[in-house]
Amino acid sequence: MNKKQLTFISKYKPYFLKDFYMEDTLFSMIQKFIYIDYIQILFVGNSCSGKTSLLDAIVREYYELTSTQSFPEHNIMYVNNLKEQGIQYFRNEMKTFCQSHSIVKNKKKMVIIDDIDIINEQSQQVFRNYIDKYKHTIHFVFACTNLQKVNESIQSRIHIVELPNANTDQIQTIMNTISEKECLIIDRESQEYLLSIANGSIRLLINYLEKIFILNRPIDINLCKFLCSRISQHKFDVYIQYLREKNIKEAVLIMYEINDYGYSVIDILDYFFEYVKNTSLLIEDEKYNLIPYICKYISTFYNLHEHNIELSLFTNNIMKLL
């Protein structure tokens, strides 16, 4: 893909450890694990902390890849909440993976588990057993949001690293860098507004800057608020209420109304994903059921053409989960 065709998220994604805004001690520690060829880490951080990008960066650093080189697929097993593998998968496929030899000379294989806190307890027990058996020949690198939902026996076997959110100064630096490179003209009041609504999320800030880039005109506060307003949490509160009442017609109308405001299907699902994780209207079991399903839809739309009719199908399907 031509670089000019890349989305801002892809264009400004951190590909290597040096690209992240992290403390020197954390940077040195990760580098040391890579140098001694013993990477057994659990990263803990919220959705704005860059966990997934950091996992990918560690893969590049360890296998000495450039930003454009493909990962050695047969040397890496990825497990995340988009996949629905059962306990038999982990007992069989992962065992085969761990027992086979690395295809990269002088490098070990890797098991990468994103959102391990969403994976069920039984499967986590299997991971624990594999760590015990293969830790000297396989790198195990995990990430989670809620450490309390990670099996304590796993926690005791690997290094736990907490990832803080980027602070305001760091996010301001990112905004200034992108604005300069993309020739964005944003007044001071609008910059402060963008920082406030990004709420510590670099990804969200970059999405806002891309909207401004597409508009291709100087930005003042009124235009900024119109262009970068967020979906009201109240909309999703009402949406959940309609779902509980099995009122699919009104629930779908809520989604179409949001879509009519100019939000794409992926935008809506991204916002809904964040809402589900943080709302008090849903109990933990409901969140546990909804999150993998939302992620599956998001993954599908990133790879296939999206259409707003999917909002109706999505609504009908998640109504069955509540």
Protein backbone atom coordinates (compact mmCIF):
# COMPACT_ATOMS: atom_id res chain seq x y z
CA MET A 1 0.00 0.00 0.00
CA ASN A 2 1.24 3.45 -0.87
CA LYS A 3 2.21 5.39 2.23
CA LYS A 4 -0.12 8.23 1.23
CA GLN A 5 -3.03 5.79 1.35
CA LEU A 6 -2.34 4.66 4.89
CA THR A 7 -4.73 5.67 7.63
CA PHE A 8 -3.22 7.86 10.32
CA ILE A 9 -3.44 4.95 12.77
CA SER A 10 -1.21 2.84 10.51
CA LYS A 11 1.03 5.73 9.49
CA TYR A 12 1.82 6.82 13.04
CA LYS A 13 1.71 3.45 14.72
CA PRO A 14 4.74 2.72 16.94
CA TYR A 15 6.63 -0.16 15.33
CA PHE A 16 9.65 -0.40 17.64
CA LEU A 17 10.30 0.07 21.34
CA LYS A 18 11.97 3.43 20.72
CA ASP A 19 8.73 4.70 19.17
CA PHE A 20 6.84 4.38 22.46
CA TYR A 21 6.63 7.06 25.12
CA MET A 22 7.83 4.93 28.02
CA GLU A 23 10.06 5.38 31.02
CA ASP A 24 13.75 4.62 30.48
CA THR A 25 13.65 1.90 33.13
CA LEU A 26 10.82 0.08 31.35
CA PHE A 27 12.54 0.45 27.98
CA SER A 28 15.80 -0.95 29.38
CA MET A 29 14.05 -3.83 31.13
CA ILE A 30 12.29 -5.03 27.97
CA GLN A 31 15.51 -4.71 25.98
CA LYS A 32 17.33 -6.77 28.61
CA PHE A 33 14.75 -9.56 28.42
CA ILE A 34 15.20 -9.64 24.64
CA TYR A 35 19.00 -9.58 24.97
CA ILE A 36 19.13 -12.51 27.42
CA ASP A 37 16.61 -14.39 25.26
CA TYR A 38 14.14 -14.97 28.09
CA ILE A 39 10.85 -13.13 27.59
CA GLN A 40 8.17 -14.13 30.08
CA ILE A 41 6.07 -10.99 30.60
CA LEU A 42 2.50 -9.99 31.46
CA PHE A 43 1.70 -6.39 30.50
CA VAL A 44 -1.12 -4.76 32.47
CA GLY A 45 -2.81 -1.61 31.20
CA ASN A 46 -6.12 -0.18 30.09
CA SER A 47 -7.32 0.17 26.51
CA CYS A 48 -5.36 3.41 26.01
CA SER A 49 -1.97 2.07 27.10
CA GLY A 50 -0.81 0.55 23.78
CA LYS A 51 -0.54 -3.06 24.95
CA THR A 52 -1.23 -4.68 21.60
CA SER A 53 1.16 -2.41 19.70
CA LEU A 54 3.83 -3.13 22.31
CA LEU A 55 3.40 -6.88 21.83
CA ASP A 56 3.95 -6.43 18.08
CA ALA A 57 6.99 -4.22 18.71
CA ILE A 58 8.57 -6.89 20.91
CA VAL A 59 8.10 -9.42 18.09
CA ARG A 60 9.87 -7.07 15.64
CA GLU A 61 12.70 -6.34 18.05
CA TYR A 62 13.25 -9.99 18.94
CA TYR A 63 13.21 -11.32 15.37
CA GLU A 64 15.09 -8.22 14.12
CA LEU A 65 12.41 -7.28 11.58
CA THR A 66 11.89 -4.00 9.76
CA SER A 67 8.56 -2.19 9.93
CA THR A 68 7.54 -3.69 6.56
CA GLN A 69 8.71 -7.28 7.05
CA SER A 70 6.10 -9.93 7.80
CA PHE A 71 6.13 -11.80 11.09
CA PRO A 72 7.39 -15.41 10.92
CA GLU A 73 3.91 -16.91 11.28
CA HIS A 74 5.04 -20.46 11.99
CA ASN A 75 7.17 -19.20 14.85
CA ILE A 76 4.42 -17.23 16.58
CA MET A 77 1.10 -18.36 18.04
CA TYR A 78 -1.33 -15.50 18.62
CA VAL A 79 -4.26 -15.96 20.99
CA ASN A 80 -6.77 -13.17 21.60
CA ASN A 81 -10.43 -12.57 22.38
CA LEU A 82 -11.34 -12.54 18.68
CA LYS A 83 -10.73 -16.25 18.56
CA GLU A 84 -13.09 -18.84 19.98
CA GLN A 85 -10.74 -21.74 20.59
CA GLY A 86 -11.93 -24.15 23.23
CA ILE A 87 -9.92 -26.05 25.79
CA GLN A 88 -9.17 -28.84 23.30
CA TYR A 89 -7.52 -26.34 20.96
CA PHE A 90 -5.15 -25.19 23.68
CA ARG A 91 -4.38 -28.75 24.73
CA ASN A 92 -3.71 -29.97 21.22
CA GLU A 93 -2.68 -27.19 18.84
CA MET A 94 -0.66 -25.24 21.38
CA LYS A 95 1.07 -28.40 22.56
CA THR A 96 2.07 -29.21 18.98
CA PHE A 97 3.28 -25.65 18.48
CA CYS A 98 5.41 -25.71 21.63
CA GLN A 99 6.94 -29.09 20.81
CA SER A 100 7.98 -28.20 17.25
CA HIS A 101 11.27 -26.49 16.48
CA SER A 102 11.76 -22.83 15.66
CA ILE A 103 12.11 -22.03 11.96
CA VAL A 104 14.21 -18.93 12.71
CA LYS A 105 17.86 -19.70 13.37
CA ASN A 106 19.01 -18.96 16.93
CA LYS A 107 15.57 -17.67 17.91
CA LYS A 108 12.88 -19.22 20.09
CA LYS A 109 9.20 -19.45 19.24
CA MET A 110 6.63 -17.13 20.85
CA VAL A 111 3.17 -17.50 22.34
CA ILE A 112 1.44 -14.09 22.36
CA ILE A 113 -1.79 -13.86 24.37
CA ASP A 114 -3.67 -10.57 24.19
CA ASP A 115 -6.51 -9.97 26.69
CA ILE A 116 -5.70 -13.07 28.70
CA ASP A 117 -8.06 -11.77 31.40
CA ILE A 118 -11.02 -12.46 29.08
CA ILE A 119 -9.98 -16.08 28.47
CA ASN A 120 -11.68 -18.61 30.74
CA GLU A 121 -10.07 -20.08 33.85
CA GLN A 122 -9.75 -23.60 32.44
CA SER A 123 -7.75 -22.40 29.44
CA GLN A 124 -5.57 -20.25 31.70
CA GLN A 125 -4.70 -23.38 33.68
CA VAL A 126 -3.49 -24.96 30.45
CA PHE A 127 -1.29 -21.92 29.79
CA ARG A 128 0.16 -22.27 33.27
CA ASN A 129 1.12 -25.87 32.58
CA TYR A 130 2.78 -24.94 29.28
CA ILE A 131 4.75 -22.14 30.93
CA ASP A 132 6.12 -24.66 33.42
CA LYS A 133 7.01 -27.16 30.72
CA TYR A 134 8.28 -24.94 27.88
CA LYS A 135 9.49 -21.68 29.46
CA HIS A 136 13.11 -22.40 28.46
CA THR A 137 12.27 -22.95 24.79
CA ILE A 138 9.19 -20.74 24.26
CA HIS A 139 8.67 -17.04 25.01
CA PHE A 140 5.30 -16.34 26.67
CA VAL A 141 4.15 -12.73 26.34
CA PHE A 142 0.73 -11.80 27.72
CA ALA A 143 -1.37 -8.64 28.04
CA CYS A 144 -4.44 -7.88 30.13
CA THR A 145 -6.60 -5.06 31.42
CA ASN A 146 -7.80 -6.59 34.70
CA LEU A 147 -5.01 -8.37 36.56
CA GLN A 148 -7.48 -9.82 39.07
CA LYS A 149 -8.92 -12.01 36.32
CA VAL A 150 -5.57 -13.59 35.52
CA ASN A 151 -4.83 -16.88 37.27
CA GLU A 152 -2.54 -16.28 40.26
CA SER A 153 -0.38 -19.25 39.32
CA ILE A 154 0.34 -17.54 35.98
CA GLN A 155 1.13 -14.26 37.74
CA SER A 156 3.67 -16.01 39.95
CA ARG A 157 5.53 -17.48 36.97
CA ILE A 158 6.14 -14.39 34.83
CA HIS A 159 7.21 -10.77 35.18
CA ILE A 160 4.26 -8.39 35.62
CA VAL A 161 4.73 -4.96 34.03
CA GLU A 162 2.19 -2.17 34.49
CA LEU A 163 1.79 0.22 31.56
CA PRO A 164 0.68 3.77 32.43
CA ASN A 165 -1.36 5.87 30.05
CA ALA A 166 0.45 8.55 28.12
CA ASN A 167 0.37 11.82 30.05
CA THR A 168 -0.91 15.14 28.69
CA ASP A 169 2.55 16.38 27.71
CA GLN A 170 3.24 13.21 25.72
CA ILE A 171 -0.09 13.41 23.92
CA GLN A 172 0.50 17.10 23.20
CA THR A 173 3.86 16.17 21.63
CA ILE A 174 2.18 13.57 19.43
CA MET A 175 -0.44 16.08 18.33
CA ASN A 176 2.21 18.68 17.52
CA THR A 177 4.27 16.17 15.55
CA ILE A 178 1.35 14.97 13.43
CA SER A 179 0.02 18.50 12.92
CA GLU A 180 3.41 19.64 11.65
CA LYS A 181 3.92 16.68 9.33
CA GLU A 182 0.39 16.87 7.90
CA CYS A 183 0.26 20.70 7.78
CA LEU A 184 -2.80 20.88 10.04
CA ILE A 185 -3.83 24.35 11.22
CA ILE A 186 -5.49 24.04 14.64
CA ASP A 187 -5.89 26.98 17.00
CA ARG A 188 -4.84 26.75 20.67
CA GLU A 189 -8.39 26.46 22.05
CA SER A 190 -9.13 23.60 19.68
CA GLN A 191 -5.90 21.83 20.65
CA GLU A 192 -6.89 22.00 24.31
CA TYR A 193 -10.35 20.69 23.45
CA LEU A 194 -8.86 17.76 21.51
CA LEU A 195 -6.66 16.86 24.47
CA SER A 196 -9.64 16.89 26.81
CA ILE A 197 -11.94 14.72 24.69
CA ALA A 198 -9.15 12.29 23.78
CA ASN A 199 -9.12 11.48 27.51
CA GLY A 200 -5.65 9.96 27.47
CA SER A 201 -6.23 7.88 24.33
CA ILE A 202 -3.57 8.35 21.65
CA ARG A 203 -5.62 6.30 19.20
CA LEU A 204 -8.65 8.53 19.66
CA LEU A 205 -6.57 11.68 19.25
CA ILE A 206 -5.08 10.37 16.00
CA ASN A 207 -8.56 9.56 14.68
CA TYR A 208 -9.64 13.15 15.40
CA LEU A 209 -6.56 14.53 13.63
CA GLU A 210 -7.33 12.38 10.59
CA LYS A 211 -10.84 13.87 10.43
CA ILE A 212 -9.28 17.34 10.48
CA PHE A 213 -6.83 16.31 7.75
CA ILE A 214 -9.67 15.07 5.53
CA LEU A 215 -11.60 18.32 6.01
CA ASN A 216 -8.49 20.21 4.83
CA ARG A 217 -9.21 23.62 6.33
CA PRO A 218 -8.10 25.66 9.38
CA ILE A 219 -9.80 24.54 12.59
CA ASP A 220 -11.34 26.81 15.20
CA ILE A 221 -13.16 25.70 18.33
CA ASN A 222 -16.67 25.68 16.82
CA LEU A 223 -15.62 23.59 13.86
CA CYS A 224 -13.56 21.33 16.12
CA LYS A 225 -16.52 20.61 18.41
CA PHE A 226 -18.74 19.87 15.43
CA LEU A 227 -16.19 17.60 13.77
CA CYS A 228 -14.86 15.74 16.80
CA SER A 229 -17.85 15.35 19.09
CA ARG A 230 -18.12 11.95 20.75
CA ILE A 231 -21.13 9.66 20.80
CA SER A 232 -23.17 10.44 23.89
CA GLN A 233 -23.05 7.74 26.56
CA HIS A 234 -26.75 8.39 27.09
CA LYS A 235 -27.42 7.08 23.57
CA PHE A 236 -25.87 3.76 24.50
CA ASP A 237 -27.68 3.73 27.87
CA VAL A 238 -30.99 3.97 26.01
CA TYR A 239 -29.76 1.39 23.48
CA ILE A 240 -29.04 -1.12 26.26
CA GLN A 241 -32.44 -0.42 27.81
CA TYR A 242 -34.19 -1.20 24.51
CA LEU A 243 -32.15 -4.39 24.15
CA ARG A 244 -33.21 -5.56 27.61
CA GLU A 245 -36.83 -4.83 26.69
CA LYS A 246 -36.36 -6.81 23.44
CA ASN A 247 -37.45 -3.70 21.56
CA ILE A 248 -35.24 -4.29 18.54
CA LYS A 249 -36.96 -1.66 16.37
CA GLU A 250 -36.11 1.23 18.70
CA ALA A 251 -32.62 -0.17 19.41
CA VAL A 252 -31.81 -0.30 15.69
CA LEU A 253 -33.14 3.23 15.24
CA ILE A 254 -30.65 4.43 17.90
CA MET A 255 -27.78 2.91 15.89
CA TYR A 256 -29.02 4.37 12.59
CA GLU A 257 -29.43 7.78 14.23
CA ILE A 258 -25.79 7.69 15.36
CA ASN A 259 -24.76 6.57 11.86
CA ASP A 260 -26.68 9.52 10.38
CA TYR A 261 -24.53 11.87 12.51
CA GLY A 262 -21.59 10.82 10.32
CA TYR A 263 -20.10 8.00 12.39
CA SER A 264 -19.01 4.93 10.42
CA VAL A 265 -20.01 1.43 11.53
CA ILE A 266 -16.48 0.85 12.86
CA ASP A 267 -16.56 4.17 14.74
CA ILE A 268 -19.84 3.16 16.40
CA LEU A 269 -18.57 -0.28 17.36
CA ASP A 270 -15.30 1.18 18.71
CA TYR A 271 -17.22 3.61 20.91
CA PHE A 272 -19.65 0.88 21.97
CA PHE A 273 -16.73 -1.38 22.88
CA GLU A 274 -15.34 1.30 25.23
CA TYR A 275 -18.82 1.93 26.62
CA VAL A 276 -19.42 -1.76 27.40
CA LYS A 277 -16.12 -2.03 29.27
CA ASN A 278 -16.85 0.97 31.49
CA THR A 279 -20.62 1.13 31.99
CA SER A 280 -22.26 0.12 35.27
CA LEU A 281 -25.48 -0.88 33.47
CA LEU A 282 -23.98 -4.23 32.52
CA ILE A 283 -22.86 -6.90 34.96
CA GLU A 284 -19.49 -8.60 34.51
CA ASP A 285 -20.96 -11.76 32.94
CA GLU A 286 -22.77 -9.66 30.33
CA LYS A 287 -19.58 -7.78 29.53
CA TYR A 288 -17.74 -11.10 29.28
CA ASN A 289 -20.27 -12.28 26.68
CA LEU A 290 -20.47 -9.03 24.71
CA ILE A 291 -16.82 -8.02 24.38
CA PRO A 292 -15.58 -10.97 22.26
CA TYR A 293 -18.62 -10.58 20.01
CA ILE A 294 -18.04 -6.85 19.48
CA CYS A 295 -14.35 -7.50 18.77
CA LYS A 296 -15.26 -10.12 16.18
CA TYR A 297 -17.46 -7.61 14.35
CA ILE A 298 -14.78 -4.92 14.48
CA SER A 299 -12.19 -7.34 13.11
CA THR A 300 -14.52 -8.33 10.28
CA PHE A 301 -15.19 -4.74 9.26
CA TYR A 302 -11.50 -3.87 9.26
CA ASN A 303 -10.94 -6.61 6.69
CA LEU A 304 -14.17 -6.44 4.69
CA HIS A 305 -16.37 -3.67 3.33
CA GLU A 306 -18.75 -2.31 5.98
CA HIS A 307 -22.42 -1.47 5.42
CA ASN A 308 -24.82 0.15 7.86
CA ILE A 309 -27.27 -2.75 7.47
CA GLU A 310 -24.79 -4.63 9.66
CA LEU A 311 -25.89 -2.44 12.59
CA SER A 312 -29.30 -4.15 12.43
CA LEU A 313 -27.76 -7.62 12.35
CA PHE A 314 -25.35 -6.71 15.14
CA THR A 315 -28.20 -5.39 17.30
CA ASN A 316 -30.30 -8.49 16.74
CA ASN A 317 -27.42 -10.77 17.67
CA ILE A 318 -26.27 -9.01 20.84
CA MET A 319 -29.87 -8.72 22.07
CA LYS A 320 -29.73 -12.51 22.46
CA LEU A 321 -26.72 -12.16 24.79
CA LEU A 322 -28.51 -9.97 27.35
